[in-house]
Amino acid sequence: MPRDESEETLAFMAGPGRRLARSRPGARRFPYSLSGGGLRSRRCRWARPPAASEHESELRALMVMASHDLKNPLATITAHIEMLRADYADTLGEAFGRDLAAIERGLHRLTTLTQDLLTYAKADHTLSLATVSLSGMVDDVIADHAVTASTPPEITVTGTLPDVPADAALLRHVLDNLVGNAVKYTRPGTAARIEISARVRTNGSVLVEVADRGIGIPAADRSQVFDSFRRCANSTGYPGTGLGLAICKRIIERHGGRIGVDENPGGGSRFWFTVPTGPAGSGKPDIVTAIHATAPDSAP
């Protein structure tokens, strides 16, 4: 019989004539016997649990299907709420308007979560790599947030932003999320102040930084802020699903880069990520060290 991949040869030494049994977590019990002070081995089999990657792939496929199927009914509900407001808000009074507003807020949160789950699941899809103009992409992101922000942000681009090999749609999602967070997590009544920069490091990778003067991230939360559904202790009162930065991390890791956040001297946060200039996944991952403001090439 050909040897199955789940077979292993086990050899142990014990006293004469002893017969022992040992179990492996998640596997069937298997015996081995030893006698005469020598070694005897017995091949054994156990049923291996399905690979974790298979489970993860199935879960991601389920998230894509569920999130996609939820989009149409959510859009239908949104449209009917808008019609209710247009047709009856003046007739039914302020209480009706408040109730509709509460429904709209909940619906907006659900729609955002559905879209984030869909994006999170799709982050593992095959990358469509091309040469991407960081400069042009950042200009588009800035233009979008200048229009949608309640208070126009002050955004500065420092230096020349290089081209990078990346999946344009996914990389734009990362930049849009980081800039959007910098705009959102600002103290009430103040305009967001954001600085975006990028440079080629000595190892050939590109380092991109998005620095802000917002509320910042508590030191205790920085190591976990990229975990799924993780929100910072000081984020109460700011909308969010806790998936945005987890999606960013997955996208950057798919490109072979790294992402992180540090305190911005003078207040706020400094998010950074790296993009290798070689094909994603074809070489060694980018190596990250701590940021040192006085050592330009020892950046993350």
C-alpha atoms as a PDB file:
ATOM      1  CA  MET A   1       0.000   0.000   0.000  1.00  0.00           C
ATOM      2  CA  PRO A   2       1.460   3.407  -0.903  1.00  0.00           C
ATOM      3  CA  ARG A   3       2.281   5.509   2.108  1.00  0.00           C
ATOM      4  CA  ASP A   4      -0.308   8.163   2.828  1.00  0.00           C
ATOM      5  CA  GLU A   5       0.855  11.656   3.763  1.00  0.00           C
ATOM      6  CA  SER A   6      -0.852  11.194   7.109  1.00  0.00           C
ATOM      7  CA  GLU A   7       1.429   8.294   8.086  1.00  0.00           C
ATOM      8  CA  GLU A   8       4.397   8.801  10.358  1.00  0.00           C
ATOM      9  CA  THR A   9       7.006   6.443  11.827  1.00  0.00           C
ATOM     10  CA  LEU A  10       7.388   6.809  15.586  1.00  0.00           C
ATOM     11  CA  ALA A  11      10.167   5.227  17.664  1.00  0.00           C
ATOM     12  CA  PHE A  12      10.523   5.427  21.427  1.00  0.00           C
ATOM     13  CA  MET A  13      12.704   3.704  23.994  1.00  0.00           C
ATOM     14  CA  ALA A  14      11.300   2.360  27.262  1.00  0.00           C
ATOM     15  CA  GLY A  15      11.694  -0.526  29.667  1.00  0.00           C
ATOM     16  CA  PRO A  16      11.345  -4.154  28.544  1.00  0.00           C
ATOM     17  CA  GLY A  17       7.936  -5.311  27.464  1.00  0.00           C
ATOM     18  CA  ARG A  18       6.158  -1.999  27.944  1.00  0.00           C
ATOM     19  CA  ARG A  19       3.273  -1.056  25.682  1.00  0.00           C
ATOM     20  CA  LEU A  20       2.243   2.559  25.665  1.00  0.00           C
ATOM     21  CA  ALA A  21      -0.376   4.709  23.989  1.00  0.00           C
ATOM     22  CA  ARG A  22      -0.265   8.377  23.297  1.00  0.00           C
ATOM     23  CA  SER A  23      -2.685  10.737  21.587  1.00  0.00           C
ATOM     24  CA  ARG A  24      -2.169  13.830  19.512  1.00  0.00           C
ATOM     25  CA  PRO A  25      -4.575  16.773  19.823  1.00  0.00           C
ATOM     26  CA  GLY A  26      -7.241  16.487  17.144  1.00  0.00           C
ATOM     27  CA  ALA A  27      -6.153  12.952  16.133  1.00  0.00           C
ATOM     28  CA  ARG A  28      -7.073   9.350  16.934  1.00  0.00           C
ATOM     29  CA  ARG A  29      -5.178   7.516  19.650  1.00  0.00           C
ATOM     30  CA  PHE A  30      -2.329   5.387  18.349  1.00  0.00           C
ATOM     31  CA  PRO A  31      -0.217   2.703  20.005  1.00  0.00           C
ATOM     32  CA  TYR A  32       3.471   2.039  19.974  1.00  0.00           C
ATOM     33  CA  SER A  33       5.295  -0.849  21.625  1.00  0.00           C
ATOM     34  CA  LEU A  34       8.805  -1.267  22.949  1.00  0.00           C
ATOM     35  CA  SER A  35      10.554  -4.330  24.318  1.00  0.00           C
ATOM     36  CA  GLY A  36      13.953  -5.639  25.215  1.00  0.00           C
ATOM     37  CA  GLY A  37      15.334  -2.200  25.863  1.00  0.00           C
ATOM     38  CA  GLY A  38      15.544  -1.615  22.121  1.00  0.00           C
ATOM     39  CA  LEU A  39      13.554   0.376  19.632  1.00  0.00           C
ATOM     40  CA  ARG A  40      10.478  -0.786  17.800  1.00  0.00           C
ATOM     41  CA  SER A  41       8.475   1.421  15.548  1.00  0.00           C
ATOM     42  CA  ARG A  42       4.940   1.217  14.300  1.00  0.00           C
ATOM     43  CA  ARG A  43       3.386   3.225  11.556  1.00  0.00           C
ATOM     44  CA  CYS A  44       0.204   4.936  12.512  1.00  0.00           C
ATOM     45  CA  ARG A  45      -2.494   6.970  10.861  1.00  0.00           C
ATOM     46  CA  TRP A  46      -4.730   9.745  11.974  1.00  0.00           C
ATOM     47  CA  ALA A  47      -7.250  11.923  10.285  1.00  0.00           C
ATOM     48  CA  ARG A  48      -5.747  15.347   9.779  1.00  0.00           C
ATOM     49  CA  PRO A  49      -8.141  18.258  10.305  1.00  0.00           C
ATOM     50  CA  PRO A  50      -8.804  20.386   7.210  1.00  0.00           C
ATOM     51  CA  ALA A  51      -6.112  22.978   6.599  1.00  0.00           C
ATOM     52  CA  ALA A  52      -6.781  26.342   8.185  1.00  0.00           C
ATOM     53  CA  SER A  53      -6.308  27.988   4.800  1.00  0.00           C
ATOM     54  CA  GLU A  54      -9.187  25.930   3.380  1.00  0.00           C
ATOM     55  CA  HIS A  55     -11.504  27.074   6.156  1.00  0.00           C
ATOM     56  CA  GLU A  56     -10.400  30.668   5.653  1.00  0.00           C
ATOM     57  CA  SER A  57     -11.026  30.461   1.920  1.00  0.00           C
ATOM     58  CA  GLU A  58     -14.510  29.076   2.521  1.00  0.00           C
ATOM     59  CA  LEU A  59     -15.295  31.796   5.049  1.00  0.00           C
ATOM     60  CA  ARG A  60     -14.080  34.500   2.688  1.00  0.00           C
ATOM     61  CA  ALA A  61     -16.199  33.074  -0.133  1.00  0.00           C
ATOM     62  CA  LEU A  62     -19.188  33.094   2.209  1.00  0.00           C
ATOM     63  CA  MET A  63     -18.503  36.710   3.179  1.00  0.00           C
ATOM     64  CA  VAL A  64     -18.318  37.734  -0.483  1.00  0.00           C
ATOM     65  CA  MET A  65     -21.622  36.010  -1.256  1.00  0.00           C
ATOM     66  CA  ALA A  66     -23.448  37.315   1.826  1.00  0.00           C
ATOM     67  CA  SER A  67     -22.127  40.860   1.491  1.00  0.00           C
ATOM     68  CA  HIS A  68     -22.946  40.991  -2.206  1.00  0.00           C
ATOM     69  CA  ASP A  69     -26.461  39.614  -1.666  1.00  0.00           C
ATOM     70  CA  LEU A  70     -27.145  42.179   1.075  1.00  0.00           C
ATOM     71  CA  LYS A  71     -26.321  45.180  -1.096  1.00  0.00           C
ATOM     72  CA  ASN A  72     -29.515  45.123  -3.177  1.00  0.00           C
ATOM     73  CA  PRO A  73     -32.011  44.902  -0.290  1.00  0.00           C
ATOM     74  CA  LEU A  74     -30.103  47.582   1.612  1.00  0.00           C
ATOM     75  CA  ALA A  75     -30.250  49.862  -1.416  1.00  0.00           C
ATOM     76  CA  THR A  76     -34.008  49.181  -1.709  1.00  0.00           C
ATOM     77  CA  ILE A  77     -34.583  50.066   1.966  1.00  0.00           C
ATOM     78  CA  THR A  78     -32.547  53.261   1.575  1.00  0.00           C
ATOM     79  CA  ALA A  79     -34.568  54.331  -1.463  1.00  0.00           C
ATOM     80  CA  HIS A  80     -37.899  53.761   0.294  1.00  0.00           C
ATOM     81  CA  ILE A  81     -36.779  55.690   3.381  1.00  0.00           C
ATOM     82  CA  GLU A  82     -35.851  58.610   1.139  1.00  0.00           C
ATOM     83  CA  MET A  83     -39.309  58.453  -0.448  1.00  0.00           C
ATOM     84  CA  LEU A  84     -40.972  58.361   2.981  1.00  0.00           C
ATOM     85  CA  ARG A  85     -39.047  61.424   4.022  1.00  0.00           C
ATOM     86  CA  ALA A  86     -39.904  63.288   0.821  1.00  0.00           C
ATOM     87  CA  ASP A  87     -43.616  62.390   0.939  1.00  0.00           C
ATOM     88  CA  TYR A  88     -44.505  62.522   4.640  1.00  0.00           C
ATOM     89  CA  ALA A  89     -41.853  64.368   6.681  1.00  0.00           C
ATOM     90  CA  ASP A  90     -43.766  67.679   6.591  1.00  0.00           C
ATOM     91  CA  THR A  91     -47.121  66.030   7.307  1.00  0.00           C
ATOM     92  CA  LEU A  92     -46.155  63.732  10.203  1.00  0.00           C
ATOM     93  CA  GLY A  93     -43.991  66.192  12.100  1.00  0.00           C
ATOM     94  CA  GLU A  94     -40.723  66.215  14.027  1.00  0.00           C
ATOM     95  CA  ALA A  95     -41.147  62.859  15.803  1.00  0.00           C
ATOM     96  CA  PHE A  96     -41.496  61.111  12.448  1.00  0.00           C
ATOM     97  CA  GLY A  97     -38.386  62.904  11.197  1.00  0.00           C
ATOM     98  CA  ARG A  98     -36.378  61.793  14.246  1.00  0.00           C
ATOM     99  CA  ASP A  99     -37.475  58.200  13.776  1.00  0.00           C
ATOM    100  CA  LEU A 100     -36.456  58.271  10.129  1.00  0.00           C
ATOM    101  CA  ALA A 101     -33.096  59.773  11.060  1.00  0.00           C
ATOM    102  CA  ALA A 102     -32.473  56.944  13.560  1.00  0.00           C
ATOM    103  CA  ILE A 103     -33.358  54.361  10.899  1.00  0.00           C
ATOM    104  CA  GLU A 104     -31.040  56.058   8.408  1.00  0.00           C
ATOM    105  CA  ARG A 105     -28.131  56.050  10.868  1.00  0.00           C
ATOM    106  CA  GLY A 106     -28.559  52.349  11.567  1.00  0.00           C
ATOM    107  CA  LEU A 107     -28.939  51.601   7.874  1.00  0.00           C
ATOM    108  CA  HIS A 108     -25.789  53.579   7.097  1.00  0.00           C
ATOM    109  CA  ARG A 109     -23.808  51.567   9.664  1.00  0.00           C
ATOM    110  CA  LEU A 110     -25.131  48.304   8.231  1.00  0.00           C
ATOM    111  CA  THR A 111     -24.330  49.369   4.670  1.00  0.00           C
ATOM    112  CA  THR A 112     -20.808  50.386   5.676  1.00  0.00           C
ATOM    113  CA  LEU A 113     -20.219  47.096   7.486  1.00  0.00           C
ATOM    114  CA  THR A 114     -21.496  45.126   4.498  1.00  0.00           C
ATOM    115  CA  GLN A 115     -19.145  46.967   2.156  1.00  0.00           C
ATOM    116  CA  ASP A 116     -16.210  46.534   4.544  1.00  0.00           C
ATOM    117  CA  LEU A 117     -16.844  42.792   4.806  1.00  0.00           C
ATOM    118  CA  LEU A 118     -16.979  42.537   1.027  1.00  0.00           C
ATOM    119  CA  THR A 119     -13.730  44.475   0.647  1.00  0.00           C
ATOM    120  CA  TYR A 120     -12.067  42.420   3.404  1.00  0.00           C
ATOM    121  CA  ALA A 121     -13.020  39.170   1.687  1.00  0.00           C
ATOM    122  CA  LYS A 122     -11.886  40.413  -1.737  1.00  0.00           C
ATOM    123  CA  ALA A 123      -8.499  41.515  -0.385  1.00  0.00           C
ATOM    124  CA  ASP A 124      -7.250  37.945  -0.941  1.00  0.00           C
ATOM    125  CA  HIS A 125      -8.206  37.835  -4.605  1.00  0.00           C
ATOM    126  CA  THR A 126      -5.503  37.687  -7.265  1.00  0.00           C
ATOM    127  CA  LEU A 127      -3.670  41.009  -7.560  1.00  0.00           C
ATOM    128  CA  SER A 128      -3.902  42.915 -10.842  1.00  0.00           C
ATOM    129  CA  LEU A 129      -0.443  44.439 -10.777  1.00  0.00           C
ATOM    130  CA  ALA A 130       0.461  47.458 -12.873  1.00  0.00           C
ATOM    131  CA  THR A 131       2.640  50.535 -12.556  1.00  0.00           C
ATOM    132  CA  VAL A 132       0.625  52.972 -10.442  1.00  0.00           C
ATOM    133  CA  SER A 133       1.185  56.719 -10.193  1.00  0.00           C
ATOM    134  CA  LEU A 134       1.117  57.491  -6.479  1.00  0.00           C
ATOM    135  CA  SER A 135       0.983  61.183  -7.285  1.00  0.00           C
ATOM    136  CA  GLY A 136      -2.137  60.883  -9.422  1.00  0.00           C
ATOM    137  CA  MET A 137      -3.812  58.503  -6.993  1.00  0.00           C
ATOM    138  CA  VAL A 138      -3.184  60.787  -4.003  1.00  0.00           C
ATOM    139  CA  ASP A 139      -4.547  63.763  -5.965  1.00  0.00           C
ATOM    140  CA  ASP A 140      -7.774  61.834  -6.633  1.00  0.00           C
ATOM    141  CA  VAL A 141      -8.143  60.804  -2.985  1.00  0.00           C
ATOM    142  CA  ILE A 142      -7.571  64.373  -1.798  1.00  0.00           C
ATOM    143  CA  ALA A 143     -10.121  65.710  -4.276  1.00  0.00           C
ATOM    144  CA  ASP A 144     -12.732  63.214  -3.070  1.00  0.00           C
ATOM    145  CA  HIS A 145     -12.311  64.093   0.611  1.00  0.00           C
ATOM    146  CA  ALA A 146     -12.221  67.821  -0.079  1.00  0.00           C
ATOM    147  CA  VAL A 147     -15.762  67.482  -1.439  1.00  0.00           C
ATOM    148  CA  THR A 148     -17.229  65.032   1.083  1.00  0.00           C
ATOM    149  CA  ALA A 149     -15.741  66.339   4.361  1.00  0.00           C
ATOM    150  CA  SER A 150     -17.999  68.611   6.411  1.00  0.00           C
ATOM    151  CA  THR A 151     -14.997  70.846   7.073  1.00  0.00           C
ATOM    152  CA  PRO A 152     -12.501  70.932   4.176  1.00  0.00           C
ATOM    153  CA  PRO A 153      -9.215  69.344   5.347  1.00  0.00           C
ATOM    154  CA  GLU A 154      -5.798  70.956   4.983  1.00  0.00           C
ATOM    155  CA  ILE A 155      -3.769  68.350   3.102  1.00  0.00           C
ATOM    156  CA  THR A 156      -0.129  68.837   2.146  1.00  0.00           C
ATOM    157  CA  VAL A 157       1.838  66.571  -0.182  1.00  0.00           C
ATOM    158  CA  THR A 158       5.557  66.648   0.553  1.00  0.00           C
ATOM    159  CA  GLY A 159       8.109  65.860  -2.129  1.00  0.00           C
ATOM    160  CA  THR A 160       7.629  63.838  -5.302  1.00  0.00           C
ATOM    161  CA  LEU A 161       5.529  60.699  -5.018  1.00  0.00           C
ATOM    162  CA  PRO A 162       7.081  57.841  -7.052  1.00  0.00           C
ATOM    163  CA  ASP A 163       5.350  55.224  -9.177  1.00  0.00           C
ATOM    164  CA  VAL A 164       4.913  51.795  -7.609  1.00  0.00           C
ATOM    165  CA  PRO A 165       3.959  48.304  -8.840  1.00  0.00           C
ATOM    166  CA  ALA A 166       0.585  47.574  -7.248  1.00  0.00           C
ATOM    167  CA  ASP A 167      -3.035  46.648  -7.681  1.00  0.00           C
ATOM    168  CA  ALA A 168      -4.449  50.119  -8.326  1.00  0.00           C
ATOM    169  CA  ALA A 169      -7.927  49.517  -6.879  1.00  0.00           C
ATOM    170  CA  LEU A 170      -6.624  47.944  -3.673  1.00  0.00           C
ATOM    171  CA  LEU A 171      -3.851  50.496  -3.135  1.00  0.00           C
ATOM    172  CA  ARG A 172      -6.344  53.311  -3.613  1.00  0.00           C
ATOM    173  CA  HIS A 173      -8.529  51.728  -0.964  1.00  0.00           C
ATOM    174  CA  VAL A 174      -5.607  51.872   1.487  1.00  0.00           C
ATOM    175  CA  LEU A 175      -4.874  55.539   0.775  1.00  0.00           C
ATOM    176  CA  ASP A 176      -8.552  56.445   0.863  1.00  0.00           C
ATOM    177  CA  ASN A 177      -8.964  54.732   4.229  1.00  0.00           C
ATOM    178  CA  LEU A 178      -5.901  56.341   5.818  1.00  0.00           C
ATOM    179  CA  VAL A 179      -6.777  59.824   4.572  1.00  0.00           C
ATOM    180  CA  GLY A 180     -10.435  59.284   5.485  1.00  0.00           C
ATOM    181  CA  ASN A 181      -9.463  58.295   9.035  1.00  0.00           C
ATOM    182  CA  ALA A 182      -7.239  61.351   9.323  1.00  0.00           C
ATOM    183  CA  VAL A 183     -10.194  63.524   8.310  1.00  0.00           C
ATOM    184  CA  LYS A 184     -12.697  61.717  10.549  1.00  0.00           C
ATOM    185  CA  TYR A 185     -10.701  61.389  13.769  1.00  0.00           C
ATOM    186  CA  THR A 186     -10.305  65.112  14.294  1.00  0.00           C
ATOM    187  CA  ARG A 187     -11.487  67.096  17.280  1.00  0.00           C
ATOM    188  CA  PRO A 188     -14.937  68.641  16.737  1.00  0.00           C
ATOM    189  CA  GLY A 189     -14.869  72.094  15.233  1.00  0.00           C
ATOM    190  CA  THR A 190     -11.342  71.809  13.824  1.00  0.00           C
ATOM    191  CA  ALA A 191     -10.184  71.160  10.277  1.00  0.00           C
ATOM    192  CA  ALA A 192      -8.073  68.073   9.656  1.00  0.00           C
ATOM    193  CA  ARG A 193      -4.383  68.765   8.994  1.00  0.00           C
ATOM    194  CA  ILE A 194      -2.756  65.991   7.000  1.00  0.00           C
ATOM    195  CA  GLU A 195       0.658  65.536   5.425  1.00  0.00           C
ATOM    196  CA  ILE A 196       1.286  62.841   2.815  1.00  0.00           C
ATOM    197  CA  SER A 197       4.785  61.869   1.740  1.00  0.00           C
ATOM    198  CA  ALA A 198       6.631  59.011   0.071  1.00  0.00           C
ATOM    199  CA  ARG A 199      10.218  58.117  -0.669  1.00  0.00           C
ATOM    200  CA  VAL A 200      12.300  55.268  -2.021  1.00  0.00           C
ATOM    201  CA  ARG A 201      14.290  53.534   0.699  1.00  0.00           C
ATOM    202  CA  THR A 202      17.789  52.130   0.419  1.00  0.00           C
ATOM    203  CA  ASN A 203      16.432  48.586  -0.018  1.00  0.00           C
ATOM    204  CA  GLY A 204      14.422  49.736  -3.049  1.00  0.00           C
ATOM    205  CA  SER A 205      10.971  49.641  -1.452  1.00  0.00           C
ATOM    206  CA  VAL A 206       8.741  52.699  -1.294  1.00  0.00           C
ATOM    207  CA  LEU A 207       7.674  54.103   2.077  1.00  0.00           C
ATOM    208  CA  VAL A 208       4.393  56.052   2.158  1.00  0.00           C
ATOM    209  CA  GLU A 209       3.384  58.090   5.215  1.00  0.00           C
ATOM    210  CA  VAL A 210       0.089  59.751   6.126  1.00  0.00           C
ATOM    211  CA  ALA A 211       0.525  61.998   9.170  1.00  0.00           C
ATOM    212  CA  ASP A 212      -2.251  63.926  10.906  1.00  0.00           C
ATOM    213  CA  ARG A 213      -2.927  66.209  13.883  1.00  0.00           C
ATOM    214  CA  GLY A 214      -6.048  64.394  15.026  1.00  0.00           C
ATOM    215  CA  ILE A 215      -6.993  62.740  18.300  1.00  0.00           C
ATOM    216  CA  GLY A 216      -4.163  60.209  18.021  1.00  0.00           C
ATOM    217  CA  ILE A 217      -4.088  56.556  19.056  1.00  0.00           C
ATOM    218  CA  PRO A 218      -3.377  55.558  22.665  1.00  0.00           C
ATOM    219  CA  ALA A 219      -0.048  53.736  23.002  1.00  0.00           C
ATOM    220  CA  ALA A 220      -1.801  50.656  24.407  1.00  0.00           C
ATOM    221  CA  ASP A 221      -3.939  50.334  21.252  1.00  0.00           C
ATOM    222  CA  ARG A 222      -1.260  50.765  18.582  1.00  0.00           C
ATOM    223  CA  SER A 223      -0.207  47.114  18.501  1.00  0.00           C
ATOM    224  CA  GLN A 224      -3.815  45.962  17.990  1.00  0.00           C
ATOM    225  CA  VAL A 225      -5.295  48.733  15.885  1.00  0.00           C
ATOM    226  CA  PHE A 226      -4.938  46.629  12.704  1.00  0.00           C
ATOM    227  CA  ASP A 227      -6.897  43.692  14.153  1.00  0.00           C
ATOM    228  CA  SER A 228     -10.371  42.988  12.784  1.00  0.00           C
ATOM    229  CA  PHE A 229     -13.215  44.763  14.600  1.00  0.00           C
ATOM    230  CA  ARG A 230     -10.741  46.526  16.879  1.00  0.00           C
ATOM    231  CA  ARG A 231     -11.553  50.109  17.831  1.00  0.00           C
ATOM    232  CA  CYS A 232      -9.431  52.427  19.959  1.00  0.00           C
ATOM    233  CA  ALA A 233     -10.393  53.459  23.467  1.00  0.00           C
ATOM    234  CA  ASN A 234     -10.735  57.102  22.396  1.00  0.00           C
ATOM    235  CA  SER A 235     -12.871  56.419  19.293  1.00  0.00           C
ATOM    236  CA  THR A 236     -16.218  56.600  21.105  1.00  0.00           C
ATOM    237  CA  GLY A 237     -18.498  58.988  19.260  1.00  0.00           C
ATOM    238  CA  TYR A 238     -16.796  58.417  15.901  1.00  0.00           C
ATOM    239  CA  PRO A 239     -18.517  56.080  13.416  1.00  0.00           C
ATOM    240  CA  GLY A 240     -16.711  52.974  12.181  1.00  0.00           C
ATOM    241  CA  THR A 241     -16.849  49.180  11.912  1.00  0.00           C
ATOM    242  CA  GLY A 242     -13.360  48.307  13.131  1.00  0.00           C
ATOM    243  CA  LEU A 243     -12.516  46.648   9.797  1.00  0.00           C
ATOM    244  CA  GLY A 244     -10.932  49.492   7.834  1.00  0.00           C
ATOM    245  CA  LEU A 245      -7.361  49.142   9.083  1.00  0.00           C
ATOM    246  CA  ALA A 246      -7.569  45.339   9.045  1.00  0.00           C
ATOM    247  CA  ILE A 247      -8.409  45.567   5.344  1.00  0.00           C
ATOM    248  CA  CYS A 248      -5.470  47.937   4.796  1.00  0.00           C
ATOM    249  CA  LYS A 249      -3.114  45.537   6.544  1.00  0.00           C
ATOM    250  CA  ARG A 250      -4.252  42.588   4.453  1.00  0.00           C
ATOM    251  CA  ILE A 251      -3.909  44.539   1.211  1.00  0.00           C
ATOM    252  CA  ILE A 252      -0.396  45.758   2.016  1.00  0.00           C
ATOM    253  CA  GLU A 253       0.714  42.289   3.138  1.00  0.00           C
ATOM    254  CA  ARG A 254      -0.621  40.867  -0.128  1.00  0.00           C
ATOM    255  CA  HIS A 255       1.733  43.272  -1.895  1.00  0.00           C
ATOM    256  CA  GLY A 256       4.651  42.016   0.219  1.00  0.00           C
ATOM    257  CA  GLY A 257       4.815  45.194   2.307  1.00  0.00           C
ATOM    258  CA  ARG A 258       4.243  46.186   5.907  1.00  0.00           C
ATOM    259  CA  ILE A 259       1.992  48.733   7.608  1.00  0.00           C
ATOM    260  CA  GLY A 260       2.103  50.405  11.004  1.00  0.00           C
ATOM    261  CA  VAL A 261       1.362  53.504  13.049  1.00  0.00           C
ATOM    262  CA  ASP A 262       3.405  55.695  15.370  1.00  0.00           C
ATOM    263  CA  GLU A 263       2.807  58.799  17.387  1.00  0.00           C
ATOM    264  CA  ASN A 264       3.191  61.959  15.346  1.00  0.00           C
ATOM    265  CA  PRO A 265       5.535  64.342  17.216  1.00  0.00           C
ATOM    266  CA  GLY A 266       3.463  67.379  18.160  1.00  0.00           C
ATOM    267  CA  GLY A 267       0.194  65.421  18.285  1.00  0.00           C
ATOM    268  CA  GLY A 268      -1.791  63.028  16.144  1.00  0.00           C
ATOM    269  CA  SER A 269      -0.790  59.822  14.362  1.00  0.00           C
ATOM    270  CA  ARG A 270       1.647  58.886  11.628  1.00  0.00           C
ATOM    271  CA  PHE A 271       0.520  55.892   9.585  1.00  0.00           C
ATOM    272  CA  TRP A 272       3.024  54.319   7.208  1.00  0.00           C
ATOM    273  CA  PHE A 273       3.190  51.439   4.777  1.00  0.00           C
ATOM    274  CA  THR A 274       5.777  50.023   2.412  1.00  0.00           C
ATOM    275  CA  VAL A 275       5.428  48.679  -1.106  1.00  0.00           C
ATOM    276  CA  PRO A 276       8.280  46.567  -2.536  1.00  0.00           C
ATOM    277  CA  THR A 277       9.345  47.559  -6.033  1.00  0.00           C
ATOM    278  CA  GLY A 278       9.663  43.940  -7.146  1.00  0.00           C
ATOM    279  CA  PRO A 279       6.697  41.714  -8.077  1.00  0.00           C
ATOM    280  CA  ALA A 280       4.465  41.064  -5.076  1.00  0.00           C
ATOM    281  CA  GLY A 281       5.038  37.677  -3.533  1.00  0.00           C
ATOM    282  CA  SER A 282       8.045  36.897  -5.755  1.00  0.00           C
ATOM    283  CA  GLY A 283      10.738  37.778  -3.273  1.00  0.00           C
ATOM    284  CA  LYS A 284      11.441  38.319   0.368  1.00  0.00           C
ATOM    285  CA  PRO A 285       8.929  40.451   2.263  1.00  0.00           C
ATOM    286  CA  ASP A 286       9.914  43.962   3.124  1.00  0.00           C
ATOM    287  CA  ILE A 287      11.695  44.167   6.480  1.00  0.00           C
ATOM    288  CA  VAL A 288      10.323  46.709   8.932  1.00  0.00           C
ATOM    289  CA  THR A 289      12.110  48.456  11.751  1.00  0.00           C
ATOM    290  CA  ALA A 290      11.029  51.346  13.919  1.00  0.00           C
ATOM    291  CA  ILE A 291      10.717  54.884  12.593  1.00  0.00           C
ATOM    292  CA  HIS A 292      13.518  57.247  13.557  1.00  0.00           C
ATOM    293  CA  ALA A 293      12.940  60.836  12.513  1.00  0.00           C
ATOM    294  CA  THR A 294      16.686  61.557  12.426  1.00  0.00           C
ATOM    295  CA  ALA A 295      17.581  58.484  10.375  1.00  0.00           C
ATOM    296  CA  PRO A 296      15.756  58.691   7.028  1.00  0.00           C
ATOM    297  CA  ASP A 297      16.716  55.210   5.822  1.00  0.00           C
ATOM    298  CA  SER A 298      15.959  53.352   9.037  1.00  0.00           C
ATOM    299  CA  ALA A 299      12.245  53.953   8.573  1.00  0.00           C
ATOM    300  CA  PRO A 300       9.711  51.173   8.838  1.00  0.00           C
END
